[in-house]
């Protein structure tokens, strides 16, 4: 795994639920209905 990718994955664990929801929208192009931090982090 590239260093930048590894750091980004590690950064997900420090994100708030709101930040994870924003990241989900950025990556998948749609909002999530979930507020479950572990689900969003793994997704």
N, C-alpha and C. Protein backbone atom coordinates (compact mmCIF):
# COMPACT_ATOMS: atom_id res chain seq x y z
N UNK A 1 0.85 -1.18 0.00
CA UNK A 1 0.00 0.00 0.00
C UNK A 1 0.90 1.24 0.00
N UNK A 2 0.55 2.21 -0.80
CA UNK A 2 1.33 3.44 -0.86
C UNK A 2 1.22 4.21 0.45
N UNK A 3 2.23 4.96 0.78
CA UNK A 3 2.27 5.70 2.04
C UNK A 3 1.11 6.69 2.14
N UNK A 4 0.80 7.39 1.07
CA UNK A 4 -0.28 8.37 1.10
C UNK A 4 -1.63 7.70 1.34
N UNK A 5 -1.85 6.57 0.70
CA UNK A 5 -3.09 5.82 0.89
C UNK A 5 -3.20 5.32 2.31
N UNK A 6 -2.10 4.80 2.84
CA UNK A 6 -2.07 4.30 4.21
C UNK A 6 -2.40 5.42 5.19
N UNK A 7 -1.83 6.60 4.99
CA UNK A 7 -2.09 7.72 5.88
C UNK A 7 -3.55 8.16 5.80
N UNK A 8 -4.12 8.13 4.61
CA UNK A 8 -5.52 8.51 4.46
C UNK A 8 -6.44 7.53 5.18
N UNK A 9 -6.14 6.24 5.07
CA UNK A 9 -6.93 5.22 5.76
C UNK A 9 -6.81 5.40 7.27
N UNK A 10 -5.63 5.68 7.76
CA UNK A 10 -5.42 5.90 9.19
C UNK A 10 -6.17 7.15 9.65
N UNK A 11 -6.23 8.16 8.80
CA UNK A 11 -6.93 9.39 9.13
C UNK A 11 -8.42 9.21 9.31
N UNK A 12 -8.99 8.20 8.67
CA UNK A 12 -10.43 7.95 8.80
C UNK A 12 -10.82 7.67 10.25
N UNK A 13 -9.95 7.03 11.00
CA UNK A 13 -10.28 6.69 12.39
C UNK A 13 -10.33 7.92 13.28
N UNK A 14 -9.71 9.02 12.84
CA UNK A 14 -9.72 10.25 13.63
C UNK A 14 -10.82 11.22 13.20
N UNK A 15 -11.56 10.87 12.16
CA UNK A 15 -12.62 11.75 11.65
C UNK A 15 -13.87 11.65 12.52
N UNK A 16 -14.60 12.74 12.57
CA UNK A 16 -15.90 12.74 13.24
C UNK A 16 -16.93 12.10 12.30
N UNK A 17 -18.11 11.83 12.83
CA UNK A 17 -19.18 11.25 12.00
C UNK A 17 -19.53 12.22 10.87
N UNK A 18 -19.59 13.49 11.16
CA UNK A 18 -19.89 14.48 10.13
C UNK A 18 -18.86 14.50 9.02
N UNK A 19 -17.60 14.40 9.40
CA UNK A 19 -16.52 14.36 8.41
C UNK A 19 -16.59 13.09 7.57
N UNK A 20 -16.91 11.97 8.22
CA UNK A 20 -17.04 10.71 7.49
C UNK A 20 -18.21 10.76 6.52
N UNK A 21 -19.30 11.40 6.93
CA UNK A 21 -20.46 11.53 6.04
C UNK A 21 -20.10 12.41 4.83
N UNK A 22 -19.34 13.46 5.06
CA UNK A 22 -18.89 14.31 3.95
C UNK A 22 -17.98 13.53 3.00
N UNK A 23 -17.09 12.73 3.57
CA UNK A 23 -16.17 11.92 2.76
C UNK A 23 -16.95 10.90 1.94
N UNK A 24 -17.98 10.29 2.54
CA UNK A 24 -18.83 9.34 1.83
C UNK A 24 -19.47 10.02 0.62
N UNK A 25 -20.00 11.21 0.82
CA UNK A 25 -20.62 11.97 -0.27
C UNK A 25 -19.60 12.25 -1.37
N UNK A 26 -18.39 12.62 -0.98
CA UNK A 26 -17.32 12.90 -1.94
C UNK A 26 -16.96 11.65 -2.76
N UNK A 27 -16.86 10.52 -2.10
CA UNK A 27 -16.41 9.29 -2.76
C UNK A 27 -17.52 8.63 -3.58
N UNK A 28 -18.71 8.53 -3.00
CA UNK A 28 -19.80 7.78 -3.64
C UNK A 28 -20.79 8.66 -4.41
N UNK A 29 -20.73 9.98 -4.21
CA UNK A 29 -21.61 10.88 -4.94
C UNK A 29 -23.04 10.89 -4.48
N UNK A 30 -23.30 10.35 -3.30
CA UNK A 30 -24.64 10.36 -2.72
C UNK A 30 -24.53 10.39 -1.20
N UNK A 31 -25.56 10.95 -0.57
CA UNK A 31 -25.54 11.01 0.89
C UNK A 31 -25.85 9.65 1.48
N UNK A 32 -25.33 9.43 2.68
CA UNK A 32 -25.63 8.20 3.39
C UNK A 32 -26.70 8.48 4.45
N UNK A 33 -27.49 7.49 4.75
CA UNK A 33 -28.49 7.62 5.81
C UNK A 33 -27.90 7.24 7.15
N UNK A 34 -26.72 6.64 7.14
CA UNK A 34 -26.11 6.12 8.36
C UNK A 34 -25.39 7.21 9.16
N UNK A 35 -25.48 7.09 10.48
CA UNK A 35 -24.71 7.91 11.40
C UNK A 35 -23.79 7.02 12.23
N UNK A 36 -23.64 5.76 11.83
CA UNK A 36 -22.83 4.79 12.57
C UNK A 36 -21.38 4.93 12.13
N UNK A 37 -20.54 5.39 13.06
CA UNK A 37 -19.15 5.73 12.74
C UNK A 37 -18.38 4.54 12.18
N UNK A 38 -18.49 3.38 12.80
CA UNK A 38 -17.74 2.21 12.34
C UNK A 38 -18.16 1.78 10.94
N UNK A 39 -19.45 1.83 10.66
CA UNK A 39 -19.93 1.49 9.32
C UNK A 39 -19.33 2.44 8.29
N UNK A 40 -19.38 3.73 8.58
CA UNK A 40 -18.87 4.72 7.64
C UNK A 40 -17.37 4.59 7.45
N UNK A 41 -16.66 4.30 8.52
CA UNK A 41 -15.21 4.16 8.43
C UNK A 41 -14.82 2.97 7.57
N UNK A 42 -15.52 1.86 7.73
CA UNK A 42 -15.20 0.65 6.97
C UNK A 42 -15.64 0.75 5.52
N UNK A 43 -16.72 1.47 5.30
CA UNK A 43 -17.27 1.59 3.95
C UNK A 43 -16.29 2.36 3.09
